[in-house]
All heavy atoms as atom14 arrays in JSON, in Angstrom:
{
  "sequence": "AAPKERSSFSDDFAGRFRSGRLVKIGGKEQPESLNEWRVTTGDPTVAA",
  "atom14_mask": [
    [1, 1, 1, 1, 1, 0, 0, 0, 0, 0, 0, 0, 0, 0],
    [1, 1, 1, 1, 1, 0, 0, 0, 0, 0, 0, 0, 0, 0],
    [1, 1, 1, 1, 1, 1, 1, 0, 0, 0, 0, 0, 0, 0],
    [1, 1, 1, 1, 1, 1, 1, 1, 1, 0, 0, 0, 0, 0],
    [1, 1, 1, 1, 1, 1, 1, 1, 1, 0, 0, 0, 0, 0],
    [1, 1, 1, 1, 1, 1, 1, 1, 1, 1, 1, 0, 0, 0],
    [1, 1, 1, 1, 1, 1, 0, 0, 0, 0, 0, 0, 0, 0],
    [1, 1, 1, 1, 1, 1, 0, 0, 0, 0, 0, 0, 0, 0],
    [1, 1, 1, 1, 1, 1, 1, 1, 1, 1, 1, 0, 0, 0],
    [1, 1, 1, 1, 1, 1, 0, 0, 0, 0, 0, 0, 0, 0],
    [1, 1, 1, 1, 1, 1, 1, 1, 0, 0, 0, 0, 0, 0],
    [1, 1, 1, 1, 1, 1, 1, 1, 0, 0, 0, 0, 0, 0],
    [1, 1, 1, 1, 1, 1, 1, 1, 1, 1, 1, 0, 0, 0],
    [1, 1, 1, 1, 1, 0, 0, 0, 0, 0, 0, 0, 0, 0],
    [1, 1, 1, 1, 0, 0, 0, 0, 0, 0, 0, 0, 0, 0],
    [1, 1, 1, 1, 1, 1, 1, 1, 1, 1, 1, 0, 0, 0],
    [1, 1, 1, 1, 1, 1, 1, 1, 1, 1, 1, 0, 0, 0],
    [1, 1, 1, 1, 1, 1, 1, 1, 1, 1, 1, 0, 0, 0],
    [1, 1, 1, 1, 1, 1, 0, 0, 0, 0, 0, 0, 0, 0],
    [1, 1, 1, 1, 0, 0, 0, 0, 0, 0, 0, 0, 0, 0],
    [1, 1, 1, 1, 1, 1, 1, 1, 1, 1, 1, 0, 0, 0],
    [1, 1, 1, 1, 1, 1, 1, 1, 0, 0, 0, 0, 0, 0],
    [1, 1, 1, 1, 1, 1, 1, 0, 0, 0, 0, 0, 0, 0],
    [1, 1, 1, 1, 1, 1, 1, 1, 1, 0, 0, 0, 0, 0],
    [1, 1, 1, 1, 1, 1, 1, 1, 0, 0, 0, 0, 0, 0],
    [1, 1, 1, 1, 0, 0, 0, 0, 0, 0, 0, 0, 0, 0],
    [1, 1, 1, 1, 0, 0, 0, 0, 0, 0, 0, 0, 0, 0],
    [1, 1, 1, 1, 1, 1, 1, 1, 1, 0, 0, 0, 0, 0],
    [1, 1, 1, 1, 1, 1, 1, 1, 1, 0, 0, 0, 0, 0],
    [1, 1, 1, 1, 1, 1, 1, 1, 1, 0, 0, 0, 0, 0],
    [1, 1, 1, 1, 1, 1, 1, 0, 0, 0, 0, 0, 0, 0],
    [1, 1, 1, 1, 1, 1, 1, 1, 1, 0, 0, 0, 0, 0],
    [1, 1, 1, 1, 1, 1, 0, 0, 0, 0, 0, 0, 0, 0],
    [1, 1, 1, 1, 1, 1, 1, 1, 0, 0, 0, 0, 0, 0],
    [1, 1, 1, 1, 1, 1, 1, 1, 0, 0, 0, 0, 0, 0],
    [1, 1, 1, 1, 1, 1, 1, 1, 1, 0, 0, 0, 0, 0],
    [1, 1, 1, 1, 1, 1, 1, 1, 1, 1, 1, 1, 1, 1],
    [1, 1, 1, 1, 1, 1, 1, 1, 1, 1, 1, 0, 0, 0],
    [1, 1, 1, 1, 1, 1, 1, 0, 0, 0, 0, 0, 0, 0],
    [1, 1, 1, 1, 1, 1, 1, 0, 0, 0, 0, 0, 0, 0],
    [1, 1, 1, 1, 1, 1, 1, 0, 0, 0, 0, 0, 0, 0],
    [1, 1, 1, 1, 0, 0, 0, 0, 0, 0, 0, 0, 0, 0],
    [1, 1, 1, 1, 1, 1, 1, 1, 0, 0, 0, 0, 0, 0],
    [1, 1, 1, 1, 1, 1, 1, 0, 0, 0, 0, 0, 0, 0],
    [1, 1, 1, 1, 1, 1, 1, 0, 0, 0, 0, 0, 0, 0],
    [1, 1, 1, 1, 1, 1, 1, 0, 0, 0, 0, 0, 0, 0],
    [1, 1, 1, 1, 1, 0, 0, 0, 0, 0, 0, 0, 0, 0],
    [1, 1, 1, 1, 1, 0, 0, 0, 0, 0, 0, 0, 0, 0]
  ],
  "atom14_positions": [
    [[20.78, -1.57, -10.44], [19.48, -2.18, -10.85], [19.36, -3.6, -10.28], [18.3, -4.16, -10.47], [19.37, -2.19, -12.3], [0.0, 0.0, 0.0], [0.0, 0.0, 0.0], [0.0, 0.0, 0.0], [0.0, 0.0, 0.0], [0.0, 0.0, 0.0], [0.0, 0.0, 0.0], [0.0, 0.0, 0.0], [0.0, 0.0, 0.0], [0.0, 0.0, 0.0]],
    [[20.42, -4.09, -9.65], [20.38, -5.44, -9.28], [19.24, -5.63, -8.14], [19.11, -4.78, -7.3], [21.71, -5.94, -8.72], [0.0, 0.0, 0.0], [0.0, 0.0, 0.0], [0.0, 0.0, 0.0], [0.0, 0.0, 0.0], [0.0, 0.0, 0.0], [0.0, 0.0, 0.0], [0.0, 0.0, 0.0], [0.0, 0.0, 0.0], [0.0, 0.0, 0.0]],
    [[18.58, -6.75, -8.12], [17.5, -6.92, -7.03], [18.17, -7.07, -5.69], [19.25, -7.8, -5.56], [16.77, -8.26, -7.46], [17.78, -8.91, -8.38], [18.62, -7.88, -9.14], [0.0, 0.0, 0.0], [0.0, 0.0, 0.0], [0.0, 0.0, 0.0], [0.0, 0.0, 0.0], [0.0, 0.0, 0.0], [0.0, 0.0, 0.0], [0.0, 0.0, 0.0]],
    [[17.62, -6.44, -4.71], [18.23, -6.58, -3.3], [17.45, -7.54, -2.57], [16.26, -7.53, -2.56], [18.03, -5.12, -2.69], [18.64, -4.0, -3.47], [20.19, -4.15, -3.66], [20.84, -2.91, -4.27], [20.35, -2.63, -5.64], [0.0, 0.0, 0.0], [0.0, 0.0, 0.0], [0.0, 0.0, 0.0], [0.0, 0.0, 0.0], [0.0, 0.0, 0.0]],
    [[18.23, -8.43, -1.94], [17.61, -9.44, -1.13], [17.18, -8.77, 0.21], [17.82, -8.23, 0.83], [18.54, -10.71, -0.99], [17.93, -11.81, -0.06], [19.01, -12.99, 0.15], [19.94, -12.89, -0.51], [18.64, -13.8, 0.93], [0.0, 0.0, 0.0], [0.0, 0.0, 0.0], [0.0, 0.0, 0.0], [0.0, 0.0, 0.0], [0.0, 0.0, 0.0]],
    [[15.89, -9.23, 0.55], [15.33, -8.71, 1.78], [14.87, -9.86, 2.6], [13.9, -10.48, 2.31], [14.24, -7.7, 1.5], [13.7, -7.06, 2.74], [12.54, -6.08, 2.51], [12.94, -5.0, 1.69], [12.22, -3.93, 1.45], [10.97, -3.97, 1.93], [12.59, -3.02, 0.73], [0.0, 0.0, 0.0], [0.0, 0.0, 0.0], [0.0, 0.0, 0.0]],
    [[15.57, -10.2, 3.63], [15.29, -11.39, 4.34], [14.3, -11.06, 5.5], [13.56, -11.96, 5.89], [16.54, -11.94, 5.04], [17.23, -10.98, 5.77], [0.0, 0.0, 0.0], [0.0, 0.0, 0.0], [0.0, 0.0, 0.0], [0.0, 0.0, 0.0], [0.0, 0.0, 0.0], [0.0, 0.0, 0.0], [0.0, 0.0, 0.0], [0.0, 0.0, 0.0]],
    [[14.17, -9.85, 5.83], [13.25, -9.56, 7.04], [12.84, -8.02, 6.84], [13.57, -7.2, 6.46], [13.95, -9.75, 8.27], [13.17, -9.26, 9.34], [0.0, 0.0, 0.0], [0.0, 0.0, 0.0], [0.0, 0.0, 0.0], [0.0, 0.0, 0.0], [0.0, 0.0, 0.0], [0.0, 0.0, 0.0], [0.0, 0.0, 0.0], [0.0, 0.0, 0.0]],
    [[11.57, -7.74, 7.27], [11.07, -6.46, 7.26], [11.13, -5.79, 8.71], [10.63, -4.7, 8.92], [9.58, -6.36, 6.91], [9.44, -6.42, 5.34], [9.46, -7.48, 4.6], [9.24, -5.17, 4.73], [9.31, -7.52, 3.2], [8.99, -5.12, 3.31], [9.09, -6.27, 2.6], [0.0, 0.0, 0.0], [0.0, 0.0, 0.0], [0.0, 0.0, 0.0]],
    [[11.81, -6.51, 9.63], [11.76, -6.13, 10.99], [12.38, -4.77, 11.2], [11.99, -4.03, 12.11], [12.49, -7.16, 11.79], [13.92, -7.24, 11.45], [0.0, 0.0, 0.0], [0.0, 0.0, 0.0], [0.0, 0.0, 0.0], [0.0, 0.0, 0.0], [0.0, 0.0, 0.0], [0.0, 0.0, 0.0], [0.0, 0.0, 0.0], [0.0, 0.0, 0.0]],
    [[13.35, -4.28, 10.46], [14.01, -2.91, 10.59], [13.58, -2.06, 9.39], [14.19, -1.09, 9.18], [15.46, -3.1, 10.81], [15.81, -3.72, 12.18], [15.17, -3.48, 13.08], [16.67, -4.57, 12.07], [0.0, 0.0, 0.0], [0.0, 0.0, 0.0], [0.0, 0.0, 0.0], [0.0, 0.0, 0.0], [0.0, 0.0, 0.0], [0.0, 0.0, 0.0]],
    [[12.67, -2.41, 8.57], [12.33, -1.59, 7.39], [10.82, -1.38, 7.47], [10.12, -1.89, 8.33], [12.7, -2.46, 6.08], [12.81, -1.56, 4.89], [12.47, -0.32, 5.03], [13.24, -2.05, 3.89], [0.0, 0.0, 0.0], [0.0, 0.0, 0.0], [0.0, 0.0, 0.0], [0.0, 0.0, 0.0], [0.0, 0.0, 0.0], [0.0, 0.0, 0.0]],
    [[10.42, -0.58, 6.48], [8.85, -0.36, 6.5], [8.14, -1.46, 5.76], [8.41, -1.65, 4.57], [8.6, 1.0, 6.01], [8.94, 2.15, 6.87], [10.0, 3.0, 6.61], [8.27, 2.32, 8.11], [10.36, 3.94, 7.47], [8.54, 3.38, 8.89], [9.62, 4.13, 8.58], [0.0, 0.0, 0.0], [0.0, 0.0, 0.0], [0.0, 0.0, 0.0]],
    [[7.36, -2.21, 6.46], [6.6, -3.28, 5.81], [5.5, -2.83, 5.01], [5.03, -3.56, 4.03], [6.15, -4.31, 6.83], [0.0, 0.0, 0.0], [0.0, 0.0, 0.0], [0.0, 0.0, 0.0], [0.0, 0.0, 0.0], [0.0, 0.0, 0.0], [0.0, 0.0, 0.0], [0.0, 0.0, 0.0], [0.0, 0.0, 0.0], [0.0, 0.0, 0.0]],
    [[4.81, -1.65, 5.27], [3.83, -1.18, 4.4], [3.31, 0.17, 5.06], [3.85, 0.73, 5.98], [0.0, 0.0, 0.0], [0.0, 0.0, 0.0], [0.0, 0.0, 0.0], [0.0, 0.0, 0.0], [0.0, 0.0, 0.0], [0.0, 0.0, 0.0], [0.0, 0.0, 0.0], [0.0, 0.0, 0.0], [0.0, 0.0, 0.0], [0.0, 0.0, 0.0]],
    [[2.2, 0.6, 4.52], [1.61, 1.83, 4.89], [0.14, 1.73, 5.13], [-0.61, 0.94, 4.43], [1.68, 2.93, 3.72], [3.18, 3.38, 3.62], [3.26, 4.56, 2.61], [2.43, 5.76, 3.08], [2.3, 6.81, 2.34], [2.85, 6.99, 1.18], [1.56, 7.92, 2.85], [0.0, 0.0, 0.0], [0.0, 0.0, 0.0], [0.0, 0.0, 0.0]],
    [[-0.41, 2.38, 6.13], [-1.79, 2.42, 6.47], [-2.36, 3.59, 5.77], [-1.77, 4.8, 6.0], [-2.03, 2.46, 7.98], [-2.11, 0.98, 8.59], [-1.02, 0.2, 8.57], [-3.34, 0.54, 9.14], [-1.1, -1.1, 9.09], [-3.41, -0.72, 9.66], [-2.35, -1.56, 9.68], [0.0, 0.0, 0.0], [0.0, 0.0, 0.0], [0.0, 0.0, 0.0]],
    [[-3.46, 3.6, 5.16], [-4.0, 4.78, 4.41], [-5.53, 4.84, 4.78], [-6.18, 3.8, 4.77], [-3.87, 4.58, 2.94], [-2.35, 4.36, 2.56], [-2.32, 4.04, 1.02], [-0.96, 3.73, 0.56], [-0.07, 4.61, -0.02], [-0.55, 5.93, -0.22], [1.09, 4.16, -0.39], [0.0, 0.0, 0.0], [0.0, 0.0, 0.0], [0.0, 0.0, 0.0]],
    [[-6.02, 5.99, 4.81], [-7.49, 6.27, 5.2], [-8.2, 6.68, 3.96], [-9.42, 7.1, 4.04], [-7.58, 7.32, 6.29], [-6.92, 8.51, 5.88], [0.0, 0.0, 0.0], [0.0, 0.0, 0.0], [0.0, 0.0, 0.0], [0.0, 0.0, 0.0], [0.0, 0.0, 0.0], [0.0, 0.0, 0.0], [0.0, 0.0, 0.0], [0.0, 0.0, 0.0]],
    [[-7.63, 6.59, 2.81], [-8.21, 7.06, 1.6], [-7.68, 6.34, 0.27], [-6.67, 5.68, 0.36], [0.0, 0.0, 0.0], [0.0, 0.0, 0.0], [0.0, 0.0, 0.0], [0.0, 0.0, 0.0], [0.0, 0.0, 0.0], [0.0, 0.0, 0.0], [0.0, 0.0, 0.0], [0.0, 0.0, 0.0], [0.0, 0.0, 0.0], [0.0, 0.0, 0.0]],
    [[-8.32, 6.65, -0.8], [-7.7, 6.23, -2.11], [-8.22, 7.09, -3.2], [-9.18, 7.95, -2.97], [-8.16, 4.67, -2.26], [-9.66, 4.57, -2.46], [-10.02, 3.08, -2.79], [-11.51, 2.87, -2.71], [-12.01, 1.8, -3.13], [-11.33, 0.71, -3.62], [-13.41, 1.62, -3.08], [0.0, 0.0, 0.0], [0.0, 0.0, 0.0], [0.0, 0.0, 0.0]],
    [[-7.7, 6.93, -4.43], [-8.27, 7.64, -5.58], [-9.12, 6.73, -6.35], [-8.79, 5.54, -6.68], [-6.95, 8.13, -6.46], [-6.2, 9.23, -5.87], [-4.9, 9.56, -6.78], [-6.9, 10.42, -5.58], [0.0, 0.0, 0.0], [0.0, 0.0, 0.0], [0.0, 0.0, 0.0], [0.0, 0.0, 0.0], [0.0, 0.0, 0.0], [0.0, 0.0, 0.0]],
    [[-10.33, 7.2, -6.76], [-11.14, 6.52, -7.67], [-11.51, 7.31, -8.85], [-11.6, 8.44, -8.85], [-12.55, 6.14, -6.85], [-12.16, 5.16, -5.71], [-13.16, 7.38, -6.34], [0.0, 0.0, 0.0], [0.0, 0.0, 0.0], [0.0, 0.0, 0.0], [0.0, 0.0, 0.0], [0.0, 0.0, 0.0], [0.0, 0.0, 0.0], [0.0, 0.0, 0.0]],
    [[-11.83, 6.55, -9.99], [-12.1, 7.25, -11.19], [-13.62, 7.54, -11.32], [-14.49, 6.67, -11.18], [-11.63, 6.46, -12.38], [-10.18, 6.42, -12.64], [-9.83, 5.79, -13.94], [-8.37, 5.97, -14.19], [-7.98, 5.31, -15.46], [0.0, 0.0, 0.0], [0.0, 0.0, 0.0], [0.0, 0.0, 0.0], [0.0, 0.0, 0.0], [0.0, 0.0, 0.0]],
    [[-13.97, 8.8, -11.34], [-15.32, 9.26, -11.55], [-15.51, 10.2, -12.78], [-14.88, 11.25, -12.84], [-15.84, 9.96, -10.36], [-15.75, 9.16, -9.09], [-17.31, 10.49, -10.44], [-16.14, 9.77, -7.76], [0.0, 0.0, 0.0], [0.0, 0.0, 0.0], [0.0, 0.0, 0.0], [0.0, 0.0, 0.0], [0.0, 0.0, 0.0], [0.0, 0.0, 0.0]],
    [[-16.28, 9.71, -13.72], [-16.33, 10.4, -14.95], [-15.02, 10.66, -15.72], [-14.86, 11.65, -16.39], [0.0, 0.0, 0.0], [0.0, 0.0, 0.0], [0.0, 0.0, 0.0], [0.0, 0.0, 0.0], [0.0, 0.0, 0.0], [0.0, 0.0, 0.0], [0.0, 0.0, 0.0], [0.0, 0.0, 0.0], [0.0, 0.0, 0.0], [0.0, 0.0, 0.0]],
    [[-14.2, 9.68, -15.62], [-12.84, 9.65, -16.3], [-11.8, 10.32, -15.54], [-10.61, 10.4, -15.96], [0.0, 0.0, 0.0], [0.0, 0.0, 0.0], [0.0, 0.0, 0.0], [0.0, 0.0, 0.0], [0.0, 0.0, 0.0], [0.0, 0.0, 0.0], [0.0, 0.0, 0.0], [0.0, 0.0, 0.0], [0.0, 0.0, 0.0], [0.0, 0.0, 0.0]],
    [[-12.22, 10.96, -14.39], [-11.04, 11.73, -13.57], [-11.02, 11.03, -12.24], [-11.97, 10.5, -11.63], [-11.56, 13.19, -13.42], [-11.62, 13.93, -14.66], [-11.97, 15.53, -14.26], [-12.03, 16.2, -15.55], [-12.38, 17.71, -15.35], [0.0, 0.0, 0.0], [0.0, 0.0, 0.0], [0.0, 0.0, 0.0], [0.0, 0.0, 0.0], [0.0, 0.0, 0.0]],
    [[-9.78, 11.11, -11.62], [-9.45, 10.54, -10.43], [-9.88, 11.47, -9.27], [-9.44, 12.6, -9.31], [-8.0, 10.09, -10.17], [-7.62, 8.95, -11.14], [-6.18, 8.5, -10.8], [-5.33, 9.29, -10.34], [-5.86, 7.23, -10.93], [0.0, 0.0, 0.0], [0.0, 0.0, 0.0], [0.0, 0.0, 0.0], [0.0, 0.0, 0.0], [0.0, 0.0, 0.0]],
    [[-10.68, 10.93, -8.4], [-11.14, 11.77, -7.2], [-10.81, 11.08, -5.96], [-10.84, 9.86, -5.87], [-12.69, 11.92, -7.39], [-13.19, 12.58, -8.58], [-12.77, 14.18, -8.69], [-12.54, 14.75, -7.6], [-12.83, 14.76, -9.81], [0.0, 0.0, 0.0], [0.0, 0.0, 0.0], [0.0, 0.0, 0.0], [0.0, 0.0, 0.0], [0.0, 0.0, 0.0]],
    [[-10.4, 11.88, -4.97], [-10.05, 11.19, -3.58], [-11.32, 10.68, -2.93], [-12.42, 11.33, -2.99], [-9.44, 12.31, -2.79], [-10.04, 13.55, -3.43], [-10.21, 13.39, -4.87], [0.0, 0.0, 0.0], [0.0, 0.0, 0.0], [0.0, 0.0, 0.0], [0.0, 0.0, 0.0], [0.0, 0.0, 0.0], [0.0, 0.0, 0.0], [0.0, 0.0, 0.0]],
    [[-11.24, 9.51, -2.33], [-12.32, 8.88, -1.68], [-11.9, 8.6, -0.23], [-10.84, 7.99, 0.0], [-12.77, 7.69, -2.28], [-13.83, 6.91, -1.54], [-14.22, 5.57, -2.2], [-13.34, 4.8, -2.46], [-15.48, 5.27, -2.18], [0.0, 0.0, 0.0], [0.0, 0.0, 0.0], [0.0, 0.0, 0.0], [0.0, 0.0, 0.0], [0.0, 0.0, 0.0]],
    [[-12.59, 9.06, 0.74], [-12.36, 8.73, 2.14], [-12.91, 7.39, 2.48], [-14.06, 7.12, 2.15], [-12.94, 9.88, 3.1], [-12.76, 9.56, 4.39], [0.0, 0.0, 0.0], [0.0, 0.0, 0.0], [0.0, 0.0, 0.0], [0.0, 0.0, 0.0], [0.0, 0.0, 0.0], [0.0, 0.0, 0.0], [0.0, 0.0, 0.0], [0.0, 0.0, 0.0]],
    [[-12.13, 6.61, 3.31], [-12.57, 5.28, 3.55], [-13.02, 5.2, 5.07], [-12.43, 5.91, 5.83], [-11.38, 4.29, 3.31], [-10.91, 4.17, 1.86], [-9.69, 3.28, 1.82], [-12.05, 3.59, 0.98], [0.0, 0.0, 0.0], [0.0, 0.0, 0.0], [0.0, 0.0, 0.0], [0.0, 0.0, 0.0], [0.0, 0.0, 0.0], [0.0, 0.0, 0.0]],
    [[-13.84, 4.15, 5.35], [-14.26, 3.97, 6.68], [-13.54, 2.89, 7.4], [-13.64, 2.9, 8.66], [-15.83, 3.65, 6.71], [-16.73, 4.63, 6.1], [-16.59, 5.86, 6.5], [-17.71, 4.24, 5.34], [0.0, 0.0, 0.0], [0.0, 0.0, 0.0], [0.0, 0.0, 0.0], [0.0, 0.0, 0.0], [0.0, 0.0, 0.0], [0.0, 0.0, 0.0]],
    [[-12.79, 2.2, 6.67], [-11.87, 1.09, 7.2], [-10.53, 1.38, 6.67], [-10.34, 1.86, 5.63], [-12.46, -0.3, 7.03], [-13.7, -0.67, 7.79], [-14.97, -0.14, 7.01], [-14.85, -0.06, 5.76], [-15.95, 0.09, 7.64], [0.0, 0.0, 0.0], [0.0, 0.0, 0.0], [0.0, 0.0, 0.0], [0.0, 0.0, 0.0], [0.0, 0.0, 0.0]],
    [[-9.51, 0.85, 7.33], [-8.22, 1.01, 6.95], [-7.82, 0.26, 5.56], [-8.24, -0.76, 5.39], [-7.16, 0.63, 8.08], [-7.15, 1.47, 9.24], [-7.69, 1.26, 10.5], [-6.67, 2.81, 9.21], [-7.45, 2.38, 11.2], [-6.83, 3.25, 10.53], [-6.03, 3.6, 8.22], [-6.49, 4.67, 10.93], [-5.57, 5.0, 8.69], [-5.91, 5.42, 9.96]],
    [[-7.01, 0.95, 4.82], [-6.52, 0.32, 3.65], [-4.96, 0.26, 3.92], [-4.32, 1.19, 4.28], [-6.73, 1.33, 2.43], [-6.0, 0.95, 1.23], [-6.39, 1.84, 0.09], [-5.53, 1.71, -1.11], [-4.83, 2.66, -1.63], [-4.77, 3.87, -1.07], [-4.01, 2.45, -2.69], [0.0, 0.0, 0.0], [0.0, 0.0, 0.0], [0.0, 0.0, 0.0]],
    [[-4.39, -0.95, 3.59], [-3.05, -1.12, 3.82], [-2.35, -1.53, 2.46], [-2.86, -2.33, 1.78], [-2.74, -2.31, 4.91], [-1.29, -2.42, 5.13], [-3.51, -1.96, 6.21], [0.0, 0.0, 0.0], [0.0, 0.0, 0.0], [0.0, 0.0, 0.0], [0.0, 0.0, 0.0], [0.0, 0.0, 0.0], [0.0, 0.0, 0.0], [0.0, 0.0, 0.0]],
    [[-1.17, -0.91, 2.22], [-0.46, -1.16, 1.08], [0.91, -1.77, 1.46], [1.54, -1.26, 2.32], [-0.3, 0.01, 0.19], [0.41, 1.03, 0.82], [-1.66, 0.54, -0.37], [0.0, 0.0, 0.0], [0.0, 0.0, 0.0], [0.0, 0.0, 0.0], [0.0, 0.0, 0.0], [0.0, 0.0, 0.0], [0.0, 0.0, 0.0], [0.0, 0.0, 0.0]],
    [[1.45, -2.66, 0.64], [2.78, -3.29, 0.84], [3.27, -3.88, -0.44], [2.42, -4.1, -1.33], [2.63, -4.36, 1.99], [3.95, -4.96, 2.16], [1.69, -5.44, 1.58], [0.0, 0.0, 0.0], [0.0, 0.0, 0.0], [0.0, 0.0, 0.0], [0.0, 0.0, 0.0], [0.0, 0.0, 0.0], [0.0, 0.0, 0.0], [0.0, 0.0, 0.0]],
    [[4.54, -4.21, -0.43], [5.13, -4.85, -1.59], [5.43, -6.29, -1.29], [5.94, -6.98, -2.2], [0.0, 0.0, 0.0], [0.0, 0.0, 0.0], [0.0, 0.0, 0.0], [0.0, 0.0, 0.0], [0.0, 0.0, 0.0], [0.0, 0.0, 0.0], [0.0, 0.0, 0.0], [0.0, 0.0, 0.0], [0.0, 0.0, 0.0], [0.0, 0.0, 0.0]],
    [[5.18, -6.78, -0.14], [5.47, -8.02, 0.34], [4.28, -8.88, 0.39], [3.43, -8.67, 1.32], [6.23, -8.01, 1.68], [6.78, -9.37, 2.12], [6.11, -10.37, 2.08], [8.05, -9.4, 2.46], [0.0, 0.0, 0.0], [0.0, 0.0, 0.0], [0.0, 0.0, 0.0], [0.0, 0.0, 0.0], [0.0, 0.0, 0.0], [0.0, 0.0, 0.0]],
    [[4.23, -10.06, -0.42], [3.05, -10.88, -0.26], [2.76, -11.55, 1.1], [1.59, -11.7, 1.44], [3.34, -11.97, -1.38], [4.25, -11.29, -2.31], [5.1, -10.43, -1.43], [0.0, 0.0, 0.0], [0.0, 0.0, 0.0], [0.0, 0.0, 0.0], [0.0, 0.0, 0.0], [0.0, 0.0, 0.0], [0.0, 0.0, 0.0], [0.0, 0.0, 0.0]],
    [[3.87, -11.85, 1.77], [3.72, -12.44, 3.16], [3.06, -11.38, 4.09], [2.18, -11.78, 4.84], [5.03, -12.92, 3.7], [5.65, -13.82, 2.68], [4.98, -13.54, 5.04], [0.0, 0.0, 0.0], [0.0, 0.0, 0.0], [0.0, 0.0, 0.0], [0.0, 0.0, 0.0], [0.0, 0.0, 0.0], [0.0, 0.0, 0.0], [0.0, 0.0, 0.0]],
    [[3.54, -10.2, 4.03], [2.88, -9.13, 4.85], [1.46, -8.88, 4.49], [0.62, -8.8, 5.37], [3.67, -7.84, 4.71], [2.96, -6.7, 5.33], [5.17, -8.0, 5.26], [0.0, 0.0, 0.0], [0.0, 0.0, 0.0], [0.0, 0.0, 0.0], [0.0, 0.0, 0.0], [0.0, 0.0, 0.0], [0.0, 0.0, 0.0], [0.0, 0.0, 0.0]],
    [[1.15, -8.95, 3.3], [-0.15, -8.72, 2.72], [-1.07, -9.85, 3.31], [-2.24, -9.51, 3.71], [-0.27, -8.68, 1.21], [0.0, 0.0, 0.0], [0.0, 0.0, 0.0], [0.0, 0.0, 0.0], [0.0, 0.0, 0.0], [0.0, 0.0, 0.0], [0.0, 0.0, 0.0], [0.0, 0.0, 0.0], [0.0, 0.0, 0.0], [0.0, 0.0, 0.0]],
    [[-0.59, -11.01, 3.2], [-1.48, -12.1, 3.61], [-1.7, -12.13, 5.11], [-2.87, -12.41, 5.66], [-0.83, -13.45, 3.31], [0.0, 0.0, 0.0], [0.0, 0.0, 0.0], [0.0, 0.0, 0.0], [0.0, 0.0, 0.0], [0.0, 0.0, 0.0], [0.0, 0.0, 0.0], [0.0, 0.0, 0.0], [0.0, 0.0, 0.0], [0.0, 0.0, 0.0]]
  ]
}
């Protein structure tokens, strides 16, 4: 469970490009297609 130090993302996956997302409609999650890229990451530097 120890935190792993990650000094660089150069050889790891920095994030994912996604063309959709889930949105809540009437209390249920429904897939939504996006017109522009959505990017997800766990690194604030990459996100910025």
